[in-house]
Amino acid sequence: MMIQLDRRFIPRVLPIAAGTGVRFENMDRTYHNAFSLSTTRKFDVG
């Protein structure tokens, strides 16, 4: 899991094994978004 709290990603660096899913959880009181344009994995959770 990578959480968003106090307007930051925690942990900032998250190692995982290939084939793993990551849960991006908003634990702040405002809306958040997580996205990437990296060639390894492009995504946008909205």
All heavy atoms as atom14 arrays in JSON, in Angstrom:
{
  "sequence": "MMIQLDRRFIPRVLPIAAGTGVRFENMDRTYHNAFSLSTTRKFDVG",
  "atom14_mask": [
    [1, 1, 1, 1, 1, 1, 1, 1, 0, 0, 0, 0, 0, 0],
    [1, 1, 1, 1, 1, 1, 1, 1, 0, 0, 0, 0, 0, 0],
    [1, 1, 1, 1, 1, 1, 1, 1, 0, 0, 0, 0, 0, 0],
    [1, 1, 1, 1, 1, 1, 1, 1, 1, 0, 0, 0, 0, 0],
    [1, 1, 1, 1, 1, 1, 1, 1, 0, 0, 0, 0, 0, 0],
    [1, 1, 1, 1, 1, 1, 1, 1, 0, 0, 0, 0, 0, 0],
    [1, 1, 1, 1, 1, 1, 1, 1, 1, 1, 1, 0, 0, 0],
    [1, 1, 1, 1, 1, 1, 1, 1, 1, 1, 1, 0, 0, 0],
    [1, 1, 1, 1, 1, 1, 1, 1, 1, 1, 1, 0, 0, 0],
    [1, 1, 1, 1, 1, 1, 1, 1, 0, 0, 0, 0, 0, 0],
    [1, 1, 1, 1, 1, 1, 1, 0, 0, 0, 0, 0, 0, 0],
    [1, 1, 1, 1, 1, 1, 1, 1, 1, 1, 1, 0, 0, 0],
    [1, 1, 1, 1, 1, 1, 1, 0, 0, 0, 0, 0, 0, 0],
    [1, 1, 1, 1, 1, 1, 1, 1, 0, 0, 0, 0, 0, 0],
    [1, 1, 1, 1, 1, 1, 1, 0, 0, 0, 0, 0, 0, 0],
    [1, 1, 1, 1, 1, 1, 1, 1, 0, 0, 0, 0, 0, 0],
    [1, 1, 1, 1, 1, 0, 0, 0, 0, 0, 0, 0, 0, 0],
    [1, 1, 1, 1, 1, 0, 0, 0, 0, 0, 0, 0, 0, 0],
    [1, 1, 1, 1, 0, 0, 0, 0, 0, 0, 0, 0, 0, 0],
    [1, 1, 1, 1, 1, 1, 1, 0, 0, 0, 0, 0, 0, 0],
    [1, 1, 1, 1, 0, 0, 0, 0, 0, 0, 0, 0, 0, 0],
    [1, 1, 1, 1, 1, 1, 1, 0, 0, 0, 0, 0, 0, 0],
    [1, 1, 1, 1, 1, 1, 1, 1, 1, 1, 1, 0, 0, 0],
    [1, 1, 1, 1, 1, 1, 1, 1, 1, 1, 1, 0, 0, 0],
    [1, 1, 1, 1, 1, 1, 1, 1, 1, 0, 0, 0, 0, 0],
    [1, 1, 1, 1, 1, 1, 1, 1, 0, 0, 0, 0, 0, 0],
    [1, 1, 1, 1, 1, 1, 1, 1, 0, 0, 0, 0, 0, 0],
    [1, 1, 1, 1, 1, 1, 1, 1, 0, 0, 0, 0, 0, 0],
    [1, 1, 1, 1, 1, 1, 1, 1, 1, 1, 1, 0, 0, 0],
    [1, 1, 1, 1, 1, 1, 1, 0, 0, 0, 0, 0, 0, 0],
    [1, 1, 1, 1, 1, 1, 1, 1, 1, 1, 1, 1, 0, 0],
    [1, 1, 1, 1, 1, 1, 1, 1, 1, 1, 0, 0, 0, 0],
    [1, 1, 1, 1, 1, 1, 1, 1, 0, 0, 0, 0, 0, 0],
    [1, 1, 1, 1, 1, 0, 0, 0, 0, 0, 0, 0, 0, 0],
    [1, 1, 1, 1, 1, 1, 1, 1, 1, 1, 1, 0, 0, 0],
    [1, 1, 1, 1, 1, 1, 0, 0, 0, 0, 0, 0, 0, 0],
    [1, 1, 1, 1, 1, 1, 1, 1, 0, 0, 0, 0, 0, 0],
    [1, 1, 1, 1, 1, 1, 0, 0, 0, 0, 0, 0, 0, 0],
    [1, 1, 1, 1, 1, 1, 1, 0, 0, 0, 0, 0, 0, 0],
    [1, 1, 1, 1, 1, 1, 1, 0, 0, 0, 0, 0, 0, 0],
    [1, 1, 1, 1, 1, 1, 1, 1, 1, 1, 1, 0, 0, 0],
    [1, 1, 1, 1, 1, 1, 1, 1, 1, 0, 0, 0, 0, 0],
    [1, 1, 1, 1, 1, 1, 1, 1, 1, 1, 1, 0, 0, 0],
    [1, 1, 1, 1, 1, 1, 1, 1, 0, 0, 0, 0, 0, 0],
    [1, 1, 1, 1, 1, 1, 1, 0, 0, 0, 0, 0, 0, 0],
    [1, 1, 1, 1, 0, 0, 0, 0, 0, 0, 0, 0, 0, 0]
  ],
  "atom14_positions": [
    [[0.83, -1.19, 0.0], [0.0, 0.0, 0.0], [0.87, 1.25, 0.0], [1.92, 1.31, 0.64], [-0.92, 0.0, 1.23], [-1.79, 1.23, 1.38], [-3.04, 1.01, 2.7], [-1.99, 0.6, 4.11], [0.0, 0.0, 0.0], [0.0, 0.0, 0.0], [0.0, 0.0, 0.0], [0.0, 0.0, 0.0], [0.0, 0.0, 0.0], [0.0, 0.0, 0.0]],
    [[0.45, 2.26, -0.73], [1.05, 3.59, -0.68], [-0.07, 4.55, -0.33], [-1.05, 4.66, -1.07], [1.7, 3.96, -2.02], [2.33, 5.34, -2.05], [3.17, 5.72, -3.63], [4.78, 4.97, -3.34], [0.0, 0.0, 0.0], [0.0, 0.0, 0.0], [0.0, 0.0, 0.0], [0.0, 0.0, 0.0], [0.0, 0.0, 0.0], [0.0, 0.0, 0.0]],
    [[0.04, 5.2, 0.82], [-1.03, 6.09, 1.25], [-0.69, 7.53, 0.9], [0.47, 7.87, 0.65], [-1.3, 5.96, 2.76], [-0.14, 6.54, 3.58], [-1.56, 4.52, 3.15], [-0.43, 6.64, 5.05], [0.0, 0.0, 0.0], [0.0, 0.0, 0.0], [0.0, 0.0, 0.0], [0.0, 0.0, 0.0], [0.0, 0.0, 0.0], [0.0, 0.0, 0.0]],
    [[-1.72, 8.36, 0.88], [-1.56, 9.8, 0.71], [-2.09, 10.48, 1.96], [-3.27, 10.37, 2.28], [-2.28, 10.27, -0.55], [-1.56, 9.82, -1.82], [-2.33, 10.12, -3.08], [-3.23, 9.38, -3.45], [-1.98, 11.2, -3.77], [0.0, 0.0, 0.0], [0.0, 0.0, 0.0], [0.0, 0.0, 0.0], [0.0, 0.0, 0.0], [0.0, 0.0, 0.0]],
    [[-1.18, 11.13, 2.66], [-1.49, 11.75, 3.94], [-0.64, 13.01, 4.08], [0.55, 13.0, 3.77], [-1.2, 10.78, 5.08], [-1.49, 11.28, 6.5], [-2.98, 11.48, 6.71], [-0.95, 10.29, 7.53], [0.0, 0.0, 0.0], [0.0, 0.0, 0.0], [0.0, 0.0, 0.0], [0.0, 0.0, 0.0], [0.0, 0.0, 0.0], [0.0, 0.0, 0.0]],
    [[-1.27, 14.09, 4.54], [-0.57, 15.37, 4.67], [0.09, 15.78, 3.35], [1.2, 16.3, 3.32], [0.48, 15.31, 5.79], [-0.15, 15.13, 7.15], [-1.19, 15.77, 7.4], [0.38, 14.34, 7.95], [0.0, 0.0, 0.0], [0.0, 0.0, 0.0], [0.0, 0.0, 0.0], [0.0, 0.0, 0.0], [0.0, 0.0, 0.0], [0.0, 0.0, 0.0]],
    [[-0.6, 15.47, 2.26], [-0.19, 15.88, 0.91], [1.16, 15.3, 0.53], [2.0, 15.95, -0.08], [-0.19, 17.4, 0.79], [-1.54, 18.01, 1.13], [-1.52, 19.51, 1.12], [-1.39, 20.02, -0.24], [-1.38, 21.32, -0.54], [-1.49, 22.22, 0.44], [-1.26, 21.73, -1.79], [0.0, 0.0, 0.0], [0.0, 0.0, 0.0], [0.0, 0.0, 0.0]],
    [[1.37, 14.04, 0.87], [2.58, 13.33, 0.49], [2.28, 11.85, 0.35], [1.33, 11.33, 0.93], [3.7, 13.55, 1.51], [3.32, 13.16, 2.92], [4.43, 13.51, 3.91], [4.0, 13.24, 5.29], [4.8, 12.76, 6.22], [6.05, 12.48, 5.94], [4.35, 12.55, 7.44], [0.0, 0.0, 0.0], [0.0, 0.0, 0.0], [0.0, 0.0, 0.0]],
    [[3.13, 11.16, -0.43], [3.03, 9.71, -0.55], [3.84, 9.07, 0.57], [4.99, 9.45, 0.82], [3.59, 9.25, -1.9], [2.72, 9.6, -3.08], [3.06, 10.63, -3.93], [1.55, 8.89, -3.33], [2.28, 10.96, -5.02], [0.75, 9.2, -4.42], [1.11, 10.24, -5.27], [0.0, 0.0, 0.0], [0.0, 0.0, 0.0], [0.0, 0.0, 0.0]],
    [[3.25, 8.07, 1.22], [3.92, 7.34, 2.3], [3.74, 5.84, 2.05], [2.62, 5.37, 1.99], [3.34, 7.71, 3.67], [3.43, 9.23, 3.92], [4.05, 6.95, 4.77], [2.75, 9.67, 5.2], [0.0, 0.0, 0.0], [0.0, 0.0, 0.0], [0.0, 0.0, 0.0], [0.0, 0.0, 0.0], [0.0, 0.0, 0.0], [0.0, 0.0, 0.0]],
    [[4.85, 5.09, 1.88], [6.23, 5.58, 1.83], [6.51, 6.29, 0.52], [5.84, 6.03, -0.48], [7.05, 4.29, 1.93], [6.17, 3.26, 1.31], [4.78, 3.63, 1.7], [0.0, 0.0, 0.0], [0.0, 0.0, 0.0], [0.0, 0.0, 0.0], [0.0, 0.0, 0.0], [0.0, 0.0, 0.0], [0.0, 0.0, 0.0], [0.0, 0.0, 0.0]],
    [[7.5, 7.15, 0.51], [7.85, 7.86, -0.73], [8.4, 6.89, -1.77], [8.18, 7.05, -2.96], [8.87, 8.95, -0.42], [9.31, 9.74, -1.67], [10.19, 10.91, -1.28], [10.57, 11.66, -2.46], [11.74, 11.56, -3.08], [12.65, 10.7, -2.61], [12.02, 12.29, -4.13], [0.0, 0.0, 0.0], [0.0, 0.0, 0.0], [0.0, 0.0, 0.0]],
    [[9.16, 5.9, -1.31], [9.71, 4.87, -2.19], [9.14, 3.52, -1.77], [9.29, 3.12, -0.61], [11.25, 4.84, -2.13], [11.8, 3.68, -2.95], [11.83, 6.17, -2.61], [0.0, 0.0, 0.0], [0.0, 0.0, 0.0], [0.0, 0.0, 0.0], [0.0, 0.0, 0.0], [0.0, 0.0, 0.0], [0.0, 0.0, 0.0], [0.0, 0.0, 0.0]],
    [[8.49, 2.84, -2.7], [7.84, 1.56, -2.39], [8.39, 0.48, -3.33], [8.1, 0.48, -4.52], [6.33, 1.68, -2.58], [5.52, 0.4, -2.36], [5.6, -0.04, -0.9], [4.08, 0.6, -2.78], [0.0, 0.0, 0.0], [0.0, 0.0, 0.0], [0.0, 0.0, 0.0], [0.0, 0.0, 0.0], [0.0, 0.0, 0.0], [0.0, 0.0, 0.0]],
    [[9.2, -0.47, -2.81], [9.65, -1.59, -3.63], [8.6, -2.71, -3.64], [8.0, -3.01, -2.6], [10.94, -2.03, -2.95], [10.76, -1.65, -1.51], [9.84, -0.44, -1.49], [0.0, 0.0, 0.0], [0.0, 0.0, 0.0], [0.0, 0.0, 0.0], [0.0, 0.0, 0.0], [0.0, 0.0, 0.0], [0.0, 0.0, 0.0], [0.0, 0.0, 0.0]],
    [[8.39, -3.32, -4.8], [7.47, -4.44, -4.92], [8.05, -5.42, -5.94], [8.93, -5.08, -6.71], [6.06, -4.0, -5.39], [6.14, -3.36, -6.78], [5.42, -3.05, -4.38], [4.8, -3.11, -7.42], [0.0, 0.0, 0.0], [0.0, 0.0, 0.0], [0.0, 0.0, 0.0], [0.0, 0.0, 0.0], [0.0, 0.0, 0.0], [0.0, 0.0, 0.0]],
    [[7.52, -6.63, -5.94], [7.9, -7.62, -6.96], [6.98, -7.49, -8.16], [5.81, -7.13, -8.03], [7.82, -9.03, -6.37], [0.0, 0.0, 0.0], [0.0, 0.0, 0.0], [0.0, 0.0, 0.0], [0.0, 0.0, 0.0], [0.0, 0.0, 0.0], [0.0, 0.0, 0.0], [0.0, 0.0, 0.0], [0.0, 0.0, 0.0], [0.0, 0.0, 0.0]],
    [[7.52, -7.77, -9.34], [6.71, -7.74, -10.56], [5.51, -8.66, -10.4], [5.61, -9.76, -9.85], [7.55, -8.16, -11.76], [0.0, 0.0, 0.0], [0.0, 0.0, 0.0], [0.0, 0.0, 0.0], [0.0, 0.0, 0.0], [0.0, 0.0, 0.0], [0.0, 0.0, 0.0], [0.0, 0.0, 0.0], [0.0, 0.0, 0.0], [0.0, 0.0, 0.0]],
    [[4.36, -8.2, -10.87], [3.12, -8.94, -10.73], [2.32, -8.57, -9.5], [1.26, -9.15, -9.24], [0.0, 0.0, 0.0], [0.0, 0.0, 0.0], [0.0, 0.0, 0.0], [0.0, 0.0, 0.0], [0.0, 0.0, 0.0], [0.0, 0.0, 0.0], [0.0, 0.0, 0.0], [0.0, 0.0, 0.0], [0.0, 0.0, 0.0], [0.0, 0.0, 0.0]],
    [[2.8, -7.6, -8.74], [2.14, -7.17, -7.5], [1.22, -5.99, -7.76], [1.52, -5.11, -8.58], [3.2, -6.77, -6.46], [4.04, -7.89, -6.2], [2.54, -6.32, -5.15], [0.0, 0.0, 0.0], [0.0, 0.0, 0.0], [0.0, 0.0, 0.0], [0.0, 0.0, 0.0], [0.0, 0.0, 0.0], [0.0, 0.0, 0.0], [0.0, 0.0, 0.0]],
    [[0.12, -5.95, -7.06], [-0.78, -4.8, -7.09], [-0.49, -3.85, -5.94], [-0.14, -4.29, -4.84], [0.0, 0.0, 0.0], [0.0, 0.0, 0.0], [0.0, 0.0, 0.0], [0.0, 0.0, 0.0], [0.0, 0.0, 0.0], [0.0, 0.0, 0.0], [0.0, 0.0, 0.0], [0.0, 0.0, 0.0], [0.0, 0.0, 0.0], [0.0, 0.0, 0.0]],
    [[-0.6, -2.56, -6.18], [-0.41, -1.55, -5.14], [-1.74, -0.83, -4.92], [-2.4, -0.42, -5.87], [0.67, -0.53, -5.54], [0.74, 0.62, -4.53], [2.03, -1.21, -5.65], [0.0, 0.0, 0.0], [0.0, 0.0, 0.0], [0.0, 0.0, 0.0], [0.0, 0.0, 0.0], [0.0, 0.0, 0.0], [0.0, 0.0, 0.0], [0.0, 0.0, 0.0]],
    [[-2.1, -0.69, -3.65], [-3.31, 0.04, -3.3], [-2.93, 1.46, -2.91], [-2.19, 1.68, -1.95], [-4.04, -0.66, -2.16], [-5.36, -0.01, -1.76], [-6.26, -1.0, -1.04], [-5.6, -1.61, 0.09], [-5.72, -1.2, 1.35], [-6.48, -0.14, 1.63], [-5.11, -1.82, 2.34], [0.0, 0.0, 0.0], [0.0, 0.0, 0.0], [0.0, 0.0, 0.0]],
    [[-3.44, 2.44, -3.66], [-3.23, 3.85, -3.34], [-4.44, 4.32, -2.54], [-5.55, 4.38, -3.05], [-3.09, 4.67, -4.63], [-1.86, 4.34, -5.42], [-1.89, 3.35, -6.4], [-0.67, 4.99, -5.18], [-0.76, 3.03, -7.12], [0.48, 4.69, -5.9], [0.43, 3.69, -6.88], [0.0, 0.0, 0.0], [0.0, 0.0, 0.0], [0.0, 0.0, 0.0]],
    [[-4.19, 4.62, -1.27], [-5.28, 4.97, -0.36], [-5.18, 6.42, 0.08], [-4.13, 6.88, 0.55], [-5.28, 4.06, 0.86], [-6.44, 4.35, 1.81], [-6.68, 3.23, 2.81], [-6.12, 2.14, 2.63], [-7.43, 3.47, 3.78], [0.0, 0.0, 0.0], [0.0, 0.0, 0.0], [0.0, 0.0, 0.0], [0.0, 0.0, 0.0], [0.0, 0.0, 0.0]],
    [[-6.28, 7.16, -0.05], [-6.34, 8.56, 0.35], [-6.75, 8.63, 1.82], [-7.91, 8.4, 2.16], [-7.34, 9.31, -0.53], [-7.42, 10.79, -0.16], [-6.69, 11.27, 0.7], [-8.33, 11.51, -0.81], [0.0, 0.0, 0.0], [0.0, 0.0, 0.0], [0.0, 0.0, 0.0], [0.0, 0.0, 0.0], [0.0, 0.0, 0.0], [0.0, 0.0, 0.0]],
    [[-5.81, 8.99, 2.69], [-6.1, 9.11, 4.11], [-6.11, 10.57, 4.54], [-6.05, 10.88, 5.73], [-5.09, 8.3, 4.92], [-5.08, 6.83, 4.56], [-4.1, 5.79, 5.66], [-5.18, 5.73, 7.09], [0.0, 0.0, 0.0], [0.0, 0.0, 0.0], [0.0, 0.0, 0.0], [0.0, 0.0, 0.0], [0.0, 0.0, 0.0], [0.0, 0.0, 0.0]],
    [[-6.18, 11.48, 3.57], [-6.31, 12.9, 3.86], [-7.79, 13.29, 3.91], [-8.67, 12.46, 3.69], [-5.59, 13.72, 2.8], [-4.28, 14.32, 3.31], [-4.2, 14.58, 4.53], [-3.35, 14.51, 2.51], [0.0, 0.0, 0.0], [0.0, 0.0, 0.0], [0.0, 0.0, 0.0], [0.0, 0.0, 0.0], [0.0, 0.0, 0.0], [0.0, 0.0, 0.0]],
    [[-8.03, 14.58, 4.12], [-9.41, 15.07, 4.18], [-9.82, 15.76, 2.9], [-10.9, 16.35, 2.83], [-9.55, 16.03, 5.37], [-9.31, 15.34, 6.72], [-9.29, 16.35, 7.86], [-9.01, 15.7, 9.13], [-8.8, 16.34, 10.28], [-8.84, 17.68, 10.29], [-8.55, 15.68, 11.39], [0.0, 0.0, 0.0], [0.0, 0.0, 0.0], [0.0, 0.0, 0.0]],
    [[-8.96, 15.7, 1.91], [-9.26, 16.3, 0.61], [-9.07, 15.25, -0.48], [-8.52, 14.17, -0.25], [-8.32, 17.49, 0.32], [-6.96, 17.0, 0.28], [-8.44, 18.55, 1.4], [0.0, 0.0, 0.0], [0.0, 0.0, 0.0], [0.0, 0.0, 0.0], [0.0, 0.0, 0.0], [0.0, 0.0, 0.0], [0.0, 0.0, 0.0], [0.0, 0.0, 0.0]],
    [[-9.54, 15.55, -1.68], [-9.36, 14.65, -2.8], [-7.87, 14.53, -3.15], [-7.09, 15.46, -2.97], [-10.12, 15.16, -4.03], [-11.58, 14.74, -4.06], [-12.51, 15.38, -3.24], [-12.01, 13.72, -4.89], [-13.84, 15.0, -3.25], [-13.35, 13.33, -4.92], [-14.27, 13.97, -4.09], [-15.58, 13.6, -4.12], [0.0, 0.0, 0.0], [0.0, 0.0, 0.0]],
    [[-7.5, 13.36, -3.67], [-6.14, 13.13, -4.15], [-6.21, 12.38, -5.48], [-7.26, 11.88, -5.89], [-5.31, 12.33, -3.15], [-4.64, 13.17, -2.11], [-3.64, 14.07, -2.42], [-4.82, 13.25, -0.77], [-3.24, 14.66, -1.3], [-3.94, 14.19, -0.29], [0.0, 0.0, 0.0], [0.0, 0.0, 0.0], [0.0, 0.0, 0.0], [0.0, 0.0, 0.0]],
    [[-5.05, 12.29, -6.1], [-4.91, 11.56, -7.35], [-3.55, 10.89, -7.35], [-2.63, 11.35, -6.67], [-5.04, 12.52, -8.55], [-4.54, 11.92, -9.84], [-3.42, 12.18, -10.28], [-5.36, 11.09, -10.46], [0.0, 0.0, 0.0], [0.0, 0.0, 0.0], [0.0, 0.0, 0.0], [0.0, 0.0, 0.0], [0.0, 0.0, 0.0], [0.0, 0.0, 0.0]],
    [[-3.41, 9.8, -8.08], [-2.1, 9.18, -8.3], [-2.02, 8.81, -9.77], [-2.93, 8.17, -10.3], [-1.92, 7.96, -7.41], [0.0, 0.0, 0.0], [0.0, 0.0, 0.0], [0.0, 0.0, 0.0], [0.0, 0.0, 0.0], [0.0, 0.0, 0.0], [0.0, 0.0, 0.0], [0.0, 0.0, 0.0], [0.0, 0.0, 0.0], [0.0, 0.0, 0.0]],
    [[-0.94, 9.23, -10.42], [-0.78, 8.89, -11.83], [0.7, 8.78, -12.17], [1.57, 9.24, -11.43], [-1.44, 9.94, -12.73], [-0.64, 11.21, -12.9], [0.22, 11.38, -13.97], [-0.76, 12.25, -11.98], [0.96, 12.56, -14.13], [-0.03, 13.43, -12.12], [0.83, 13.58, -13.2], [0.0, 0.0, 0.0], [0.0, 0.0, 0.0], [0.0, 0.0, 0.0]],
    [[0.99, 8.15, -13.3], [2.36, 8.06, -13.78], [2.38, 8.03, -15.3], [1.5, 7.44, -15.93], [3.05, 6.79, -13.25], [4.37, 6.7, -13.75], [0.0, 0.0, 0.0], [0.0, 0.0, 0.0], [0.0, 0.0, 0.0], [0.0, 0.0, 0.0], [0.0, 0.0, 0.0], [0.0, 0.0, 0.0], [0.0, 0.0, 0.0], [0.0, 0.0, 0.0]],
    [[3.41, 8.66, -15.86], [3.65, 8.61, -17.29], [4.89, 7.78, -17.6], [5.39, 7.79, -18.73], [3.83, 10.04, -17.84], [2.63, 10.97, -17.67], [2.97, 12.38, -18.18], [1.41, 10.43, -18.38], [0.0, 0.0, 0.0], [0.0, 0.0, 0.0], [0.0, 0.0, 0.0], [0.0, 0.0, 0.0], [0.0, 0.0, 0.0], [0.0, 0.0, 0.0]],
    [[5.38, 7.03, -16.63], [6.57, 6.21, -16.8], [6.33, 5.1, -17.81], [5.25, 4.51, -17.86], [7.01, 5.6, -15.47], [7.3, 6.6, -14.51], [0.0, 0.0, 0.0], [0.0, 0.0, 0.0], [0.0, 0.0, 0.0], [0.0, 0.0, 0.0], [0.0, 0.0, 0.0], [0.0, 0.0, 0.0], [0.0, 0.0, 0.0], [0.0, 0.0, 0.0]],
    [[7.35, 4.79, -18.6], [7.21, 3.73, -19.6], [7.02, 2.36, -18.95], [6.41, 1.48, -19.54], [8.44, 3.69, -20.52], [9.62, 3.54, -19.72], [8.55, 4.98, -21.33], [0.0, 0.0, 0.0], [0.0, 0.0, 0.0], [0.0, 0.0, 0.0], [0.0, 0.0, 0.0], [0.0, 0.0, 0.0], [0.0, 0.0, 0.0], [0.0, 0.0, 0.0]],
    [[7.53, 2.2, -17.73], [7.36, 0.92, -17.03], [5.89, 0.65, -16.74], [5.42, -0.48, -16.88], [8.16, 0.92, -15.72], [9.55, 1.08, -16.02], [7.96, -0.37, -14.95], [0.0, 0.0, 0.0], [0.0, 0.0, 0.0], [0.0, 0.0, 0.0], [0.0, 0.0, 0.0], [0.0, 0.0, 0.0], [0.0, 0.0, 0.0], [0.0, 0.0, 0.0]],
    [[5.15, 1.69, -16.35], [3.73, 1.53, -16.06], [3.05, 2.89, -16.08], [3.23, 3.71, -15.18], [3.52, 0.86, -14.7], [2.06, 0.63, -14.31], [1.4, -0.38, -15.25], [0.14, -0.87, -14.75], [-1.06, -0.37, -15.1], [-1.13, 0.68, -15.92], [-2.16, -0.89, -14.63], [0.0, 0.0, 0.0], [0.0, 0.0, 0.0], [0.0, 0.0, 0.0]],
    [[2.25, 3.13, -17.11], [1.44, 4.34, -17.17], [0.08, 4.04, -16.54], [-0.52, 3.01, -16.82], [1.26, 4.8, -18.61], [2.55, 5.23, -19.3], [2.27, 5.69, -20.72], [3.56, 6.11, -21.41], [3.33, 6.57, -22.8], [0.0, 0.0, 0.0], [0.0, 0.0, 0.0], [0.0, 0.0, 0.0], [0.0, 0.0, 0.0], [0.0, 0.0, 0.0]],
    [[-0.38, 4.96, -15.7], [-1.7, 4.78, -15.08], [-2.21, 6.1, -14.55], [-1.45, 7.06, -14.39], [-1.65, 3.74, -13.96], [-0.89, 4.2, -12.73], [-1.55, 4.84, -11.68], [0.47, 3.99, -12.63], [-0.86, 5.26, -10.56], [1.18, 4.42, -11.51], [0.5, 5.05, -10.47], [0.0, 0.0, 0.0], [0.0, 0.0, 0.0], [0.0, 0.0, 0.0]],
    [[-3.48, 6.15, -14.26], [-4.12, 7.3, -13.63], [-5.34, 6.78, -12.88], [-6.27, 6.25, -13.5], [-4.53, 8.34, -14.67], [-4.97, 9.67, -14.06], [-5.48, 9.64, -12.91], [-4.81, 10.71, -14.71], [0.0, 0.0, 0.0], [0.0, 0.0, 0.0], [0.0, 0.0, 0.0], [0.0, 0.0, 0.0], [0.0, 0.0, 0.0], [0.0, 0.0, 0.0]],
    [[-5.34, 6.91, -11.56], [-6.45, 6.37, -10.76], [-7.63, 7.33, -10.69], [-8.67, 6.99, -10.12], [-5.98, 6.02, -9.33], [-4.84, 5.01, -9.38], [-5.57, 7.27, -8.55], [0.0, 0.0, 0.0], [0.0, 0.0, 0.0], [0.0, 0.0, 0.0], [0.0, 0.0, 0.0], [0.0, 0.0, 0.0], [0.0, 0.0, 0.0], [0.0, 0.0, 0.0]],
    [[-7.47, 8.53, -11.26], [-8.54, 9.52, -11.18], [-8.56, 10.21, -9.83], [-7.65, 10.05, -9.01], [0.0, 0.0, 0.0], [0.0, 0.0, 0.0], [0.0, 0.0, 0.0], [0.0, 0.0, 0.0], [0.0, 0.0, 0.0], [0.0, 0.0, 0.0], [0.0, 0.0, 0.0], [0.0, 0.0, 0.0], [0.0, 0.0, 0.0], [0.0, 0.0, 0.0]]
  ]
}
